[in-house]
């Protein structure tokens, strides 16, 4: 079968490998679609070293089941989360699931960009496989994991209904963040983005304002007008550039929160004046990854109609054209969300 993987010097290789076989308690899933995430792009650029496996947002059809699997059957439509914590160590007891040692150790074999991939016993036993409701499309299914990341971040920062939210970076994950904040009762949602296409997508997807960060006076005017001159309750960095961090700090109110959400550029440094942060009482809270409870919560929001993910996928490429798919995803002015499709699509 074919599998897309990270090659030498950041190249995307399409390799021939043996079709995996389901062992006891395992599944084989036939790929329908998998989104290209910003972390996948960072792996290609060499700016993200957590893992070299590509593809962690896959949906597909159960192709075969191993001995002892009774909860799923061949033909079921599923989403599979790539990592799964143990849920019983001291780290998990604190609710810090992405930092569990098991979280990093577990993964899909050989990754989400494969015609078929193996799902381990641990994934099944710990709830990492979600049967998709018939109302959830393949494309919406590929957005469950990044939407789960946004929901995890909103939980981590203590978001409450009625707050104002300003998102810096309106790529797919920034757009998802804004939609979730709106669905959870945000009073005002604004954003900043260089790409005119992405600003338009934000305004069509529920943002109250989407401005060009290269016009700082307009950014200040729009945020100030919406917040009575105070600044946003929550300012989100959903981009990797250090300039995005500075803009987020500039637009948050005293006593507010800056959420570091996007993967920062490698070796970048926080260069905000510490005394200003101290005197303004700003909280800085990073949010990394997600786990199955949040993914299931997003799925429920989709099924009940509380959240819509329509209009976020702009491009679809078959697995055989995965290199072209990554090239398109790396050009933000030309795309929103790029999805790679497999034989189950």
Protein backbone atom coordinates (compact mmCIF):
# COMPACT_ATOMS: atom_id res chain seq x y z
CA UNK A 1 0.00 0.00 0.00
CA UNK A 2 0.98 3.67 -0.27
CA UNK A 3 1.98 5.83 2.67
CA UNK A 4 3.06 9.47 2.76
CA UNK A 5 5.98 10.09 5.08
CA UNK A 6 8.74 12.54 5.89
CA UNK A 7 11.80 11.99 3.75
CA UNK A 8 15.25 13.53 3.62
CA UNK A 9 15.62 17.32 3.73
CA UNK A 10 11.94 17.84 4.41
CA UNK A 11 10.70 16.07 1.30
CA UNK A 12 7.36 14.26 1.31
CA UNK A 13 7.85 10.71 0.06
CA UNK A 14 5.13 8.37 -1.15
CA UNK A 15 6.41 4.94 -0.21
CA UNK A 16 5.24 1.36 -0.75
CA UNK A 17 4.92 -0.61 2.49
CA UNK A 18 3.20 -3.80 3.60
CA UNK A 19 -0.45 -3.55 4.55
CA UNK A 20 -0.69 -3.76 8.36
CA UNK A 21 -2.49 -6.66 10.00
CA UNK A 22 -4.79 -6.34 13.01
CA UNK A 23 -3.47 -8.18 16.04
CA UNK A 24 -5.60 -9.11 19.08
CA UNK A 25 -7.60 -6.09 20.24
CA UNK A 26 -6.56 -4.00 17.23
CA UNK A 27 -8.19 -2.42 14.17
CA UNK A 28 -7.19 -1.70 10.59
CA UNK A 29 -8.81 1.45 9.21
CA UNK A 30 -9.10 2.28 5.50
CA UNK A 31 -8.32 5.97 5.12
CA UNK A 32 -11.09 8.28 3.92
CA UNK A 33 -9.42 11.64 4.64
CA UNK A 34 -6.79 13.27 6.81
CA UNK A 35 -6.13 16.99 7.26
CA UNK A 36 -2.72 18.60 6.98
CA UNK A 37 -2.00 20.29 10.30
CA UNK A 38 0.38 23.14 11.04
CA UNK A 39 2.52 20.72 13.04
CA UNK A 40 2.85 18.53 9.94
CA UNK A 41 4.15 21.57 8.06
CA UNK A 42 6.55 22.38 10.89
CA UNK A 43 7.91 18.82 10.76
CA UNK A 44 8.62 19.31 7.06
CA UNK A 45 10.35 22.62 7.79
CA UNK A 46 12.38 21.07 10.61
CA UNK A 47 10.81 23.30 13.23
CA UNK A 48 8.98 20.66 15.26
CA UNK A 49 10.78 17.71 16.82
CA UNK A 50 8.10 16.14 19.02
CA UNK A 51 7.40 13.44 16.41
CA UNK A 52 8.28 12.69 12.79
CA UNK A 53 5.09 10.73 12.04
CA UNK A 54 2.84 12.61 9.62
CA UNK A 55 -0.95 12.66 9.72
CA UNK A 56 -2.89 12.81 12.97
CA UNK A 57 -6.41 13.86 11.94
CA UNK A 58 -7.64 10.77 10.07
CA UNK A 59 -11.13 9.45 9.49
CA UNK A 60 -11.99 6.27 7.66
CA UNK A 61 -13.81 2.97 7.52
CA UNK A 62 -12.99 -0.03 9.70
CA UNK A 63 -11.38 -2.48 7.29
CA UNK A 64 -10.75 -5.39 9.65
CA UNK A 65 -10.86 -6.15 13.36
CA UNK A 66 -8.57 -8.25 15.48
CA UNK A 67 -9.58 -11.00 17.88
CA UNK A 68 -11.49 -9.77 20.88
CA UNK A 69 -12.78 -6.51 19.37
CA UNK A 70 -16.51 -6.32 20.04
CA UNK A 71 -17.25 -2.59 20.10
CA UNK A 72 -16.64 -1.93 16.39
CA UNK A 73 -17.19 -3.85 13.18
CA UNK A 74 -16.09 -3.79 9.58
CA UNK A 75 -17.68 -0.89 7.72
CA UNK A 76 -18.04 1.45 10.71
CA UNK A 77 -17.12 5.10 10.04
CA UNK A 78 -14.58 6.24 12.63
CA UNK A 79 -12.28 9.01 13.75
CA UNK A 80 -9.09 7.88 15.50
CA UNK A 81 -7.01 10.08 17.77
CA UNK A 82 -3.30 9.54 17.20
CA UNK A 83 -2.13 9.73 20.84
CA UNK A 84 -3.74 8.36 23.97
CA UNK A 85 -2.73 8.87 27.64
CA UNK A 86 -2.86 6.16 30.27
CA UNK A 87 -5.49 8.00 32.38
CA UNK A 88 -4.15 6.59 35.68
CA UNK A 89 -0.68 8.09 36.34
CA UNK A 90 0.01 11.16 38.51
CA UNK A 91 0.10 13.39 35.43
CA UNK A 92 -3.30 12.14 34.26
CA UNK A 93 -4.70 12.47 37.79
CA UNK A 94 -3.92 16.20 37.48
CA UNK A 95 -5.82 16.31 34.17
CA UNK A 96 -2.65 17.09 32.20
CA UNK A 97 -3.17 14.27 29.73
CA UNK A 98 -0.95 15.50 26.83
CA UNK A 99 2.07 15.33 29.15
CA UNK A 100 1.55 11.69 30.08
CA UNK A 101 4.47 9.51 28.92
CA UNK A 102 1.99 7.19 27.20
CA UNK A 103 0.60 10.08 25.17
CA UNK A 104 3.85 10.59 23.27
CA UNK A 105 4.62 6.88 23.05
CA UNK A 106 1.38 5.84 21.33
CA UNK A 107 0.66 6.61 17.68
CA UNK A 108 -1.01 5.28 14.57
CA UNK A 109 0.93 2.81 12.44
CA UNK A 110 2.31 4.04 10.03
CA UNK A 111 0.49 7.39 10.43
CA UNK A 112 -2.63 9.08 9.12
CA UNK A 113 -1.44 9.54 5.53
CA UNK A 114 -1.63 5.85 4.65
CA UNK A 115 -4.13 3.86 2.61
CA UNK A 116 -4.64 1.74 5.74
CA UNK A 117 -3.38 2.22 9.27
CA UNK A 118 -3.29 0.07 12.38
CA UNK A 119 -5.00 1.16 15.58
CA UNK A 120 -3.48 -0.33 18.73
CA UNK A 121 -5.19 -2.13 21.60
CA UNK A 122 -4.35 0.87 23.84
CA UNK A 123 -6.22 3.21 21.50
CA UNK A 124 -9.31 1.04 21.61
CA UNK A 125 -9.24 0.33 25.32
CA UNK A 126 -8.73 3.98 26.26
CA UNK A 127 -11.42 5.50 24.05
CA UNK A 128 -9.35 6.96 21.23
CA UNK A 129 -11.65 5.55 18.52
CA UNK A 130 -14.88 7.45 17.95
CA UNK A 131 -17.70 6.15 15.78
CA UNK A 132 -18.77 9.04 13.56
CA UNK A 133 -22.41 10.01 13.47
CA UNK A 134 -23.89 9.72 9.97
CA UNK A 135 -24.49 13.48 9.98
CA UNK A 136 -20.74 14.21 10.30
CA UNK A 137 -19.04 14.35 6.90
CA UNK A 138 -15.55 13.04 6.24
CA UNK A 139 -14.28 16.60 5.94
CA UNK A 140 -15.85 17.67 9.23
CA UNK A 141 -14.37 14.54 10.77
CA UNK A 142 -10.85 15.63 9.84
CA UNK A 143 -11.46 18.82 11.84
CA UNK A 144 -12.39 17.05 15.08
CA UNK A 145 -8.82 16.88 16.36
CA UNK A 146 -7.86 20.55 15.77
CA UNK A 147 -11.26 21.66 17.08
CA UNK A 148 -10.58 19.51 20.13
CA UNK A 149 -7.29 21.36 20.56
CA UNK A 150 -9.17 24.67 20.52
CA UNK A 151 -11.70 23.39 23.05
CA UNK A 152 -8.89 22.12 25.29
CA UNK A 153 -7.29 25.58 25.13
CA UNK A 154 -10.55 27.32 26.02
CA UNK A 155 -10.94 25.00 29.01
CA UNK A 156 -7.33 25.53 30.07
CA UNK A 157 -7.59 29.34 30.06
CA UNK A 158 -10.87 29.28 31.98
CA UNK A 159 -12.97 30.83 29.22
CA UNK A 160 -16.44 31.89 30.36
CA UNK A 161 -19.55 32.98 28.52
CA UNK A 162 -19.66 36.69 27.71
CA UNK A 163 -15.92 37.21 27.28
CA UNK A 164 -14.31 39.00 24.35
CA UNK A 165 -11.78 37.04 22.29
CA UNK A 166 -9.12 38.31 19.85
CA UNK A 167 -7.37 35.70 17.68
CA UNK A 168 -4.05 36.51 15.99
CA UNK A 169 -3.65 34.22 12.98
CA UNK A 170 -6.74 33.10 11.11
CA UNK A 171 -5.49 29.90 9.60
CA UNK A 172 -7.66 26.80 9.97
CA UNK A 173 -6.98 26.40 13.68
CA UNK A 174 -7.53 30.10 14.41
CA UNK A 175 -10.82 29.98 12.53
CA UNK A 176 -11.84 26.90 14.52
CA UNK A 177 -10.94 28.63 17.76
CA UNK A 178 -13.16 31.58 16.89
CA UNK A 179 -16.10 29.38 15.94
CA UNK A 180 -15.84 27.43 19.17
CA UNK A 181 -15.56 30.58 21.27
CA UNK A 182 -18.69 31.89 19.56
CA UNK A 183 -20.53 28.61 20.11
CA UNK A 184 -19.61 28.72 23.81
CA UNK A 185 -21.01 32.21 24.25
CA UNK A 186 -18.26 34.73 23.48
CA UNK A 187 -19.63 38.28 23.48
CA UNK A 188 -17.27 39.43 20.72
CA UNK A 189 -14.81 37.55 18.52
CA UNK A 190 -12.23 39.42 16.45
CA UNK A 191 -9.08 38.44 14.66
CA UNK A 192 -6.02 39.60 12.76
CA UNK A 193 -4.66 37.97 9.61
CA UNK A 194 -2.51 39.07 6.67
CA UNK A 195 -4.33 36.88 4.12
CA UNK A 196 -7.43 38.62 2.71
CA UNK A 197 -8.93 35.23 1.86
CA UNK A 198 -8.68 34.09 5.45
CA UNK A 199 -10.07 37.36 6.79
CA UNK A 200 -13.10 36.86 4.55
CA UNK A 201 -13.48 33.28 5.77
CA UNK A 202 -13.40 34.53 9.36
CA UNK A 203 -16.15 37.08 8.81
CA UNK A 204 -18.28 34.50 7.02
CA UNK A 205 -17.71 32.05 9.88
CA UNK A 206 -18.95 34.16 12.77
CA UNK A 207 -16.13 36.60 13.55
CA UNK A 208 -17.31 40.13 14.33
CA UNK A 209 -14.16 41.65 12.86
CA UNK A 210 -11.12 40.45 10.91
CA UNK A 211 -8.39 43.04 10.35
CA UNK A 212 -4.99 43.22 8.71
CA UNK A 213 -2.27 43.26 11.41
CA UNK A 214 -0.13 45.47 9.18
CA UNK A 215 -2.50 48.30 10.10
CA UNK A 216 -1.99 48.49 13.90
CA UNK A 217 -4.08 51.65 14.23
CA UNK A 218 -7.08 49.85 12.74
CA UNK A 219 -6.48 46.84 14.97
CA UNK A 220 -6.49 49.05 18.06
CA UNK A 221 -9.59 50.89 16.85
CA UNK A 222 -11.62 47.74 16.23
CA UNK A 223 -10.61 46.01 19.47
CA UNK A 224 -11.03 49.18 21.49
CA UNK A 225 -14.44 49.90 20.00
CA UNK A 226 -15.66 46.40 20.88
CA UNK A 227 -14.28 46.38 24.41
CA UNK A 228 -14.89 49.91 25.65
CA UNK A 229 -11.21 50.71 25.25
CA UNK A 230 -10.12 48.03 27.72
CA UNK A 231 -8.81 45.35 25.36
CA UNK A 232 -9.87 41.74 24.90
CA UNK A 233 -10.46 39.43 27.85
CA UNK A 234 -8.64 36.67 25.97
CA UNK A 235 -6.00 37.23 23.31
CA UNK A 236 -4.98 34.13 21.35
CA UNK A 237 -1.74 33.52 19.46
CA UNK A 238 -2.72 31.12 16.68
CA UNK A 239 0.33 31.83 14.52
CA UNK A 240 4.03 31.01 14.80
CA UNK A 241 5.67 34.39 14.20
CA UNK A 242 6.98 36.38 17.20
CA UNK A 243 5.15 39.43 15.84
CA UNK A 244 1.87 37.59 16.49
CA UNK A 245 2.77 37.28 20.17
CA UNK A 246 3.49 40.98 20.44
CA UNK A 247 0.17 41.86 18.80
CA UNK A 248 -1.69 39.55 21.18
CA UNK A 249 -0.09 41.26 24.19
CA UNK A 250 -0.93 44.69 22.80
CA UNK A 251 -4.64 43.87 22.51
CA UNK A 252 -5.34 42.10 25.82
CA UNK A 253 -6.85 44.04 28.73
CA UNK A 254 -5.16 44.45 32.13
CA UNK A 255 -5.83 41.26 34.06
CA UNK A 256 -6.60 39.39 30.85
CA UNK A 257 -5.12 36.23 29.39
CA UNK A 258 -2.78 35.56 26.47
CA UNK A 259 -3.14 32.01 25.17
CA UNK A 260 -0.12 30.66 23.29
CA UNK A 261 -1.94 28.30 20.95
CA UNK A 262 -0.04 28.05 17.67
CA UNK A 263 3.31 26.25 17.49
CA UNK A 264 5.99 28.97 17.95
CA UNK A 265 8.85 29.24 15.51
CA UNK A 266 11.79 27.16 16.64
CA UNK A 267 14.28 29.10 18.77
CA UNK A 268 11.93 32.11 19.00
CA UNK A 269 11.95 34.02 22.29
CA UNK A 270 9.37 35.95 24.30
CA UNK A 271 10.57 39.55 24.30
CA UNK A 272 7.79 41.32 26.19
CA UNK A 273 8.84 43.71 28.99
CA UNK A 274 8.41 41.71 32.19
CA UNK A 275 7.50 44.77 34.25
CA UNK A 276 4.67 45.59 31.85
CA UNK A 277 3.33 42.03 32.09
CA UNK A 278 3.60 42.22 35.88
CA UNK A 279 1.92 45.60 36.26
CA UNK A 280 -0.83 44.73 33.80
CA UNK A 281 -1.47 41.42 35.55
CA UNK A 282 -1.48 39.43 32.32
CA UNK A 283 -1.75 35.65 32.52
CA UNK A 284 0.25 33.70 29.89
CA UNK A 285 -1.17 30.23 29.34
CA UNK A 286 0.06 27.85 26.63
CA UNK A 287 -2.23 25.09 25.42
CA UNK A 288 -0.83 22.02 23.75
CA UNK A 289 -2.75 19.24 22.00
CA UNK A 290 -6.02 17.58 23.05
CA UNK A 291 -7.50 14.33 24.30
CA UNK A 292 -10.58 12.27 23.60
CA UNK A 293 -13.05 13.91 26.01
CA UNK A 294 -12.75 17.23 24.17
CA UNK A 295 -12.90 15.52 20.77
CA UNK A 296 -16.09 13.74 21.79
CA UNK A 297 -17.51 17.03 23.07
CA UNK A 298 -16.84 18.68 19.70
CA UNK A 299 -18.48 15.72 17.92
CA UNK A 300 -21.57 16.18 20.10
CA UNK A 301 -21.66 19.90 19.28
CA UNK A 302 -21.62 19.03 15.58
CA UNK A 303 -24.37 16.42 15.90
CA UNK A 304 -26.64 18.78 17.85
CA UNK A 305 -25.99 21.71 15.51
CA UNK A 306 -24.37 23.87 18.17
CA UNK A 307 -21.20 24.10 16.05
CA UNK A 308 -20.70 24.19 12.29
CA UNK A 309 -17.42 23.37 10.53
CA UNK A 310 -18.74 24.06 7.03
CA UNK A 311 -16.61 26.02 4.61
CA UNK A 312 -13.22 25.41 6.23
CA UNK A 313 -11.86 22.79 3.80
CA UNK A 314 -10.70 24.53 0.64
CA UNK A 315 -8.62 21.85 -1.10
CA UNK A 316 -8.69 18.08 -1.51
CA UNK A 317 -5.84 16.00 -2.91
CA UNK A 318 -5.69 12.20 -3.35
CA UNK A 319 -2.96 10.44 -1.40
CA UNK A 320 -0.96 9.98 -4.58
CA UNK A 321 -0.61 13.78 -4.78
CA UNK A 322 0.39 14.31 -1.16
CA UNK A 323 3.48 16.35 -2.05
CA UNK A 324 1.29 18.81 -3.97
CA UNK A 325 -1.13 18.88 -1.03
CA UNK A 326 1.66 19.91 1.36
CA UNK A 327 2.86 22.51 -1.10
CA UNK A 328 -0.63 24.04 -1.23
CA UNK A 329 -1.02 23.96 2.56
CA UNK A 330 2.30 25.78 2.94
CA UNK A 331 0.93 28.78 0.98
CA UNK A 332 -1.64 30.36 3.30
CA UNK A 333 -2.80 32.99 0.82
CA UNK A 334 -4.04 30.21 -1.47
CA UNK A 335 -5.82 27.85 0.93
CA UNK A 336 -7.70 27.35 4.16
CA UNK A 337 -7.75 23.68 5.19
CA UNK A 338 -6.11 21.11 2.90
CA UNK A 339 -7.28 17.50 3.13
CA UNK A 340 -5.64 14.36 1.73
CA UNK A 341 -8.12 11.69 0.66
CA UNK A 342 -7.69 7.92 0.64
CA UNK A 343 -9.44 4.86 -0.79
CA UNK A 344 -12.32 5.10 1.68
CA UNK A 345 -13.35 8.63 0.64
